[in-house]
Amino acid sequence: MYSENFGKNILNSSITSVTSFGFWILCNDKEYFVSFGDYPEFKNANVISIFNVEQLSPNQLRWPDLDIDIELDALKNPSAFPMVFKD
């Protein structure tokens, strides 16, 4: 036996604003700023691709058009996630 009605997706995220410096994303009732300086992969992306965001888990965001994944922890505490490789 199986259920034909699937559960409601409770993961919800959306882009609320795009500026020349980055964009704001509302996720789990909190808003985060994604700076183009910190995430240059987004700088030359078209707005449609930025708005096409998926929340894969409570802590993981994905932009399928851009092949970019970001963990919310990196947006909450960027200093804990340095983006520069160190030997």
C-alpha atoms as a PDB file:
ATOM      1  CA  MET A   1       0.000   0.000   0.000  1.00  0.00           C
ATOM      2  CA  TYR A   2       1.240   3.504  -0.711  1.00  0.00           C
ATOM      3  CA  SER A   3       0.029   7.035  -0.243  1.00  0.00           C
ATOM      4  CA  GLU A   4      -0.747   9.095  -3.305  1.00  0.00           C
ATOM      5  CA  ASN A   5      -0.634  12.355  -1.367  1.00  0.00           C
ATOM      6  CA  PHE A   6       2.900  13.411  -0.690  1.00  0.00           C
ATOM      7  CA  GLY A   7       3.728  15.592   2.293  1.00  0.00           C
ATOM      8  CA  LYS A   8       3.944  19.340   1.995  1.00  0.00           C
ATOM      9  CA  ASN A   9       7.415  20.767   1.482  1.00  0.00           C
ATOM     10  CA  ILE A  10       8.138  22.644   4.688  1.00  0.00           C
ATOM     11  CA  LEU A  11      11.461  24.005   3.444  1.00  0.00           C
ATOM     12  CA  ASN A  12      10.940  27.484   2.118  1.00  0.00           C
ATOM     13  CA  SER A  13      13.429  30.033   0.841  1.00  0.00           C
ATOM     14  CA  SER A  14      13.105  33.008  -1.473  1.00  0.00           C
ATOM     15  CA  ILE A  15      15.163  35.900  -2.789  1.00  0.00           C
ATOM     16  CA  THR A  16      13.775  39.154  -1.414  1.00  0.00           C
ATOM     17  CA  SER A  17      16.064  41.728  -3.052  1.00  0.00           C
ATOM     18  CA  VAL A  18      18.953  42.006  -5.500  1.00  0.00           C
ATOM     19  CA  THR A  19      21.352  44.966  -5.457  1.00  0.00           C
ATOM     20  CA  SER A  20      24.631  45.770  -7.167  1.00  0.00           C
ATOM     21  CA  PHE A  21      26.428  44.444  -4.041  1.00  0.00           C
ATOM     22  CA  GLY A  22      24.617  41.145  -3.607  1.00  0.00           C
ATOM     23  CA  PHE A  23      21.213  39.764  -2.727  1.00  0.00           C
ATOM     24  CA  TRP A  24      19.030  38.992   0.271  1.00  0.00           C
ATOM     25  CA  ILE A  25      17.539  35.551   0.814  1.00  0.00           C
ATOM     26  CA  LEU A  26      14.760  34.717   3.256  1.00  0.00           C
ATOM     27  CA  CYS A  27      15.216  31.233   4.638  1.00  0.00           C
ATOM     28  CA  ASN A  28      13.617  29.616   7.688  1.00  0.00           C
ATOM     29  CA  ASP A  29      12.087  32.986   8.684  1.00  0.00           C
ATOM     30  CA  LYS A  30      15.514  34.693   8.748  1.00  0.00           C
ATOM     31  CA  GLU A  31      17.060  36.922   6.123  1.00  0.00           C
ATOM     32  CA  TYR A  32      20.684  36.595   4.981  1.00  0.00           C
ATOM     33  CA  PHE A  33      22.813  38.765   2.710  1.00  0.00           C
ATOM     34  CA  VAL A  34      24.880  37.045   0.018  1.00  0.00           C
ATOM     35  CA  SER A  35      27.612  39.453  -1.022  1.00  0.00           C
ATOM     36  CA  PHE A  36      28.992  39.346  -4.566  1.00  0.00           C
ATOM     37  CA  GLY A  37      32.372  40.061  -2.964  1.00  0.00           C
ATOM     38  CA  ASP A  38      32.162  36.865  -0.924  1.00  0.00           C
ATOM     39  CA  TYR A  39      30.415  34.829  -3.636  1.00  0.00           C
ATOM     40  CA  PRO A  40      31.712  36.182  -6.983  1.00  0.00           C
ATOM     41  CA  GLU A  41      30.075  33.284  -8.871  1.00  0.00           C
ATOM     42  CA  PHE A  42      26.785  35.184  -8.570  1.00  0.00           C
ATOM     43  CA  LYS A  43      28.092  38.569  -9.787  1.00  0.00           C
ATOM     44  CA  ASN A  44      27.621  37.946 -13.510  1.00  0.00           C
ATOM     45  CA  ALA A  45      24.641  35.606 -13.146  1.00  0.00           C
ATOM     46  CA  ASN A  46      21.318  36.700 -14.554  1.00  0.00           C
ATOM     47  CA  VAL A  47      18.587  37.583 -12.082  1.00  0.00           C
ATOM     48  CA  ILE A  48      16.406  34.649 -13.141  1.00  0.00           C
ATOM     49  CA  SER A  49      19.193  32.227 -12.180  1.00  0.00           C
ATOM     50  CA  ILE A  50      19.655  33.923  -8.804  1.00  0.00           C
ATOM     51  CA  PHE A  51      15.921  33.681  -8.093  1.00  0.00           C
ATOM     52  CA  ASN A  52      15.942  29.977  -8.992  1.00  0.00           C
ATOM     53  CA  VAL A  53      16.996  28.737  -5.552  1.00  0.00           C
ATOM     54  CA  GLU A  54      16.120  25.432  -3.911  1.00  0.00           C
ATOM     55  CA  GLN A  55      16.361  24.604  -0.236  1.00  0.00           C
ATOM     56  CA  LEU A  56      17.540  21.006  -0.166  1.00  0.00           C
ATOM     57  CA  SER A  57      17.642  20.667   3.615  1.00  0.00           C
ATOM     58  CA  PRO A  58      17.179  22.959   6.603  1.00  0.00           C
ATOM     59  CA  ASN A  59      20.823  24.011   6.181  1.00  0.00           C
ATOM     60  CA  GLN A  60      21.558  23.706   2.442  1.00  0.00           C
ATOM     61  CA  LEU A  61      20.684  25.996  -0.473  1.00  0.00           C
ATOM     62  CA  ARG A  62      21.229  25.184  -4.137  1.00  0.00           C
ATOM     63  CA  TRP A  63      21.120  27.242  -7.331  1.00  0.00           C
ATOM     64  CA  PRO A  64      20.772  24.549 -10.026  1.00  0.00           C
ATOM     65  CA  ASP A  65      21.193  26.935 -12.978  1.00  0.00           C
ATOM     66  CA  LEU A  66      24.542  28.084 -11.581  1.00  0.00           C
ATOM     67  CA  ASP A  67      25.672  24.792  -9.988  1.00  0.00           C
ATOM     68  CA  ILE A  68      26.219  26.577  -6.653  1.00  0.00           C
ATOM     69  CA  ASP A  69      25.535  25.205  -3.178  1.00  0.00           C
ATOM     70  CA  ILE A  70      25.786  27.197   0.056  1.00  0.00           C
ATOM     71  CA  GLU A  71      25.256  26.021   3.597  1.00  0.00           C
ATOM     72  CA  LEU A  72      23.316  28.411   5.811  1.00  0.00           C
ATOM     73  CA  ASP A  73      26.012  28.105   8.460  1.00  0.00           C
ATOM     74  CA  ALA A  74      28.383  29.844   6.025  1.00  0.00           C
ATOM     75  CA  LEU A  75      25.957  32.775   5.765  1.00  0.00           C
ATOM     76  CA  LYS A  76      25.333  32.872   9.525  1.00  0.00           C
ATOM     77  CA  ASN A  77      29.026  32.810  10.443  1.00  0.00           C
ATOM     78  CA  PRO A  78      31.217  33.563   7.391  1.00  0.00           C
ATOM     79  CA  SER A  79      34.456  33.789   9.385  1.00  0.00           C
ATOM     80  CA  ALA A  80      34.130  30.095  10.273  1.00  0.00           C
ATOM     81  CA  PHE A  81      34.103  29.205   6.576  1.00  0.00           C
ATOM     82  CA  PRO A  82      37.142  30.856   4.943  1.00  0.00           C
ATOM     83  CA  MET A  83      36.989  30.642   1.178  1.00  0.00           C
ATOM     84  CA  VAL A  84      40.756  30.870   0.741  1.00  0.00           C
ATOM     85  CA  PHE A  85      42.795  27.662   0.570  1.00  0.00           C
ATOM     86  CA  LYS A  86      45.620  27.537   3.085  1.00  0.00           C
ATOM     87  CA  ASP A  87      48.520  25.040   3.021  1.00  0.00           C
END
